[in-house]
Protein backbone atom coordinates (compact mmCIF):
# COMPACT_ATOMS: atom_id res chain seq x y z
CA UNK A 1 0.08 -0.22 0.36
CA UNK A 2 1.40 2.97 -1.01
CA UNK A 3 0.74 6.22 0.82
CA UNK A 4 1.63 10.16 0.42
CA UNK A 5 0.83 12.51 2.85
CA UNK A 6 2.32 15.47 3.40
CA UNK A 7 2.48 17.00 6.97
CA UNK A 8 -0.59 18.63 8.82
CA UNK A 9 -1.15 22.15 9.26
CA UNK A 10 -3.45 23.60 12.39
CA UNK A 11 -5.61 26.84 11.80
CA UNK A 12 -5.30 29.98 14.44
CA UNK A 13 -8.64 31.74 14.81
CA UNK A 14 -9.59 33.52 17.72
CA UNK A 15 -6.05 32.25 19.61
CA UNK A 16 -7.66 28.85 19.54
CA UNK A 17 -5.29 26.19 17.37
CA UNK A 18 -7.45 24.45 15.66
CA UNK A 19 -6.74 20.87 13.85
CA UNK A 20 -7.40 21.23 9.80
CA UNK A 21 -10.25 18.26 8.73
CA UNK A 22 -7.88 14.72 7.81
CA UNK A 23 -9.62 13.82 4.07
CA UNK A 24 -8.54 11.02 2.84
CA UNK A 25 -9.06 9.87 -1.00
CA UNK A 26 -8.37 6.16 -1.08
CA UNK A 27 -8.04 4.32 -4.64
CA UNK A 28 -8.91 0.62 -4.34
CA UNK A 29 -9.57 -2.04 -6.31
CA UNK A 30 -7.81 -5.27 -8.71
CA UNK A 31 -4.91 -3.69 -10.91
CA UNK A 32 -4.84 -7.55 -12.78
CA UNK A 33 -8.24 -7.08 -13.60
CA UNK A 34 -7.97 -4.35 -16.16
CA UNK A 35 -11.26 -1.75 -15.05
CA UNK A 36 -10.84 -3.50 -11.62
CA UNK A 37 -8.31 -1.15 -10.98
CA UNK A 38 -9.73 1.75 -11.40
CA UNK A 39 -8.93 3.42 -8.30
CA UNK A 40 -5.35 2.35 -7.87
CA UNK A 41 -5.18 4.13 -11.30
CA UNK A 42 -6.71 7.47 -10.47
CA UNK A 43 -4.59 6.99 -6.87
CA UNK A 44 -1.70 6.85 -8.84
CA UNK A 45 -2.24 9.97 -10.94
CA UNK A 46 -3.39 11.78 -7.45
CA UNK A 47 -0.10 11.42 -6.01
CA UNK A 48 1.78 13.57 -8.47
CA UNK A 49 -0.09 16.05 -7.99
CA UNK A 50 0.00 19.06 -5.43
CA UNK A 51 -2.80 18.38 -3.04
CA UNK A 52 -3.51 20.22 0.34
CA UNK A 53 -1.57 19.44 3.06
CA UNK A 54 -4.91 18.05 4.68
CA UNK A 55 -5.49 15.54 2.53
CA UNK A 56 -3.65 12.02 1.84
CA UNK A 57 -4.00 10.09 -0.72
CA UNK A 58 -3.68 5.96 -0.41
CA UNK A 59 -3.77 3.47 -2.92
CA UNK A 60 -5.40 0.62 -1.12
CA UNK A 61 -5.17 -2.47 -3.72
CA UNK A 62 -7.37 -5.05 -2.31
CA UNK A 63 -5.84 -4.71 1.11
CA UNK A 64 -9.72 -4.87 2.41
CA UNK A 65 -9.32 -5.05 6.40
CA UNK A 66 -6.17 -4.12 6.76
CA UNK A 67 -7.76 -0.60 5.23
CA UNK A 68 -9.41 -0.07 8.49
CA UNK A 69 -7.04 1.60 10.39
CA UNK A 70 -6.67 4.30 7.46
CA UNK A 71 -10.55 4.52 7.13
CA UNK A 72 -10.40 5.99 11.10
CA UNK A 73 -8.43 8.18 10.58
CA UNK A 74 -10.05 10.21 8.40
CA UNK A 75 -12.45 12.45 9.02
CA UNK A 76 -13.67 12.17 5.21
CA UNK A 77 -12.66 9.59 3.49
CA UNK A 78 -13.73 9.92 -0.67
CA UNK A 79 -13.42 6.12 -1.78
CA UNK A 80 -12.84 5.95 -5.53
CA UNK A 81 -13.59 2.09 -6.51
CA UNK A 82 -15.21 0.30 -9.49
CA UNK A 83 -19.18 0.34 -9.29
CA UNK A 84 -21.25 -2.12 -11.19
CA UNK A 85 -24.89 -0.67 -11.18
CA UNK A 86 -26.25 -1.48 -14.63
CA UNK A 87 -25.17 1.60 -16.64
CA UNK A 88 -23.10 2.14 -20.31
CA UNK A 89 -19.24 1.66 -18.94
CA UNK A 90 -17.54 4.38 -18.30
CA UNK A 91 -20.21 5.39 -16.52
CA UNK A 92 -19.72 8.16 -12.54
CA UNK A 93 -20.99 7.35 -10.02
CA UNK A 94 -21.14 9.44 -6.82
CA UNK A 95 -23.02 8.93 -3.63
CA UNK A 96 -22.68 9.15 0.10
CA UNK A 97 -21.90 5.84 2.17
CA UNK A 98 -25.57 6.05 3.48
CA UNK A 99 -26.92 6.04 0.16
CA UNK A 100 -25.53 2.58 -0.34
CA UNK A 101 -27.46 0.64 2.07
CA UNK A 102 -30.49 1.68 0.07
CA UNK A 103 -29.70 0.51 -3.14
CA UNK A 104 -31.39 -2.51 -4.86
CA UNK A 105 -28.73 -5.68 -4.10
CA UNK A 106 -27.97 -5.74 -8.13
CA UNK A 107 -25.93 -2.38 -7.04
CA UNK A 108 -22.44 -4.10 -6.70
CA UNK A 109 -20.29 -0.95 -4.82
CA UNK A 110 -16.99 -3.02 -5.39
CA UNK A 111 -16.23 -6.13 -7.21
CA UNK A 112 -13.60 -7.43 -5.60
CA UNK A 113 -13.32 -10.23 -2.59
CA UNK A 114 -13.73 -7.91 0.98
CA UNK A 115 -15.83 -4.92 -0.45
CA UNK A 116 -15.34 -1.91 1.30
CA UNK A 117 -18.34 -1.51 2.66
CA UNK A 118 -17.70 -3.98 5.00
CA UNK A 119 -14.66 -2.35 5.91
CA UNK A 120 -16.11 1.25 6.35
CA UNK A 121 -18.96 -0.84 8.10
CA UNK A 122 -16.79 -2.94 10.55
CA UNK A 123 -15.17 1.11 11.60
CA UNK A 124 -18.81 2.30 12.49
CA UNK A 125 -18.16 -1.07 14.94
CA UNK A 126 -15.16 0.82 16.63
CA UNK A 127 -16.67 4.30 17.12
CA UNK A 128 -15.38 5.66 13.95
CA UNK A 129 -16.58 5.89 10.77
CA UNK A 130 -15.56 8.85 8.59
CA UNK A 131 -18.17 11.03 6.47
CA UNK A 132 -17.32 8.57 3.67
CA UNK A 133 -18.16 9.45 -0.38
CA UNK A 134 -17.86 6.80 -3.34
CA UNK A 135 -16.62 8.03 -6.43
CA UNK A 136 -17.62 4.89 -7.97
CA UNK A 137 -16.91 3.96 -11.96
CA UNK A 138 -18.89 1.01 -14.07
CA UNK A 139 -16.17 -1.34 -15.48
CA UNK A 140 -16.26 -2.37 -19.09
CA UNK A 141 -13.89 -5.18 -18.91
CA UNK A 142 -13.03 -7.19 -15.94
CA UNK A 143 -10.30 -9.44 -18.33
CA UNK A 144 -6.73 -10.44 -17.16
CA UNK A 145 -5.00 -7.08 -18.05
CA UNK A 146 -2.97 -4.02 -15.66
CA UNK A 147 -4.51 -1.80 -18.70
CA UNK A 148 -7.57 -0.03 -18.04
CA UNK A 149 -10.18 -0.28 -20.94
CA UNK A 150 -9.75 3.24 -23.25
CA UNK A 151 -13.46 3.71 -22.28
CA UNK A 152 -12.43 4.11 -18.97
CA UNK A 153 -8.65 5.55 -19.24
CA UNK A 154 -10.86 8.47 -21.12
CA UNK A 155 -12.57 8.66 -17.52
CA UNK A 156 -9.52 10.07 -15.21
CA UNK A 157 -9.11 13.73 -15.88
CA UNK A 158 -13.45 13.87 -14.94
CA UNK A 159 -13.27 11.15 -12.13
CA UNK A 160 -9.89 13.22 -10.79
CA UNK A 161 -12.16 17.06 -12.06
CA UNK A 162 -15.05 15.00 -9.60
CA UNK A 163 -12.84 14.38 -6.56
CA UNK A 164 -11.19 17.63 -6.60
CA UNK A 165 -15.29 19.64 -6.55
CA UNK A 166 -15.87 16.38 -3.29
CA UNK A 167 -12.62 18.22 -1.54
CA UNK A 168 -14.35 21.47 -1.83
CA UNK A 169 -17.88 20.20 -0.26
CA UNK A 170 -15.00 18.88 2.49
CA UNK A 171 -14.28 22.22 3.73
CA UNK A 172 -17.32 23.20 3.34
């Protein structure tokens, strides 16, 4: 698991120090299954960018429960993953984690073994669940390949744009 972090900075307002919210962008998926790895590919692109000091990018791969510490340390979590919702390949979904529980059972938020949803549910049992937003992408191919399909690769700039929009919402 790769983690790109920058030191946290304290804000001073009216003489009192307060820590900024810790925001984690978590790219998950299996790089060996083509579009299933979209979250990891997005994380790699974000790691090349200059991000605010309170934002961490984590390439979670298929680490499942090993991501529990990353999740519980965040105030706001933005998960990027392949999502099967039945739309056209390359369709992008944005939803809050609470919305997932109201979705039809055919709507899969992850196509790997232990979904990020289960890990977030476990964080609730521990008592520290961050505000979580999922940005999902409808995969085209889940064939053995380390390359994204052209349709999904073309969506990476838009996914990153949506992540930056979400970062603005986190600060409201």
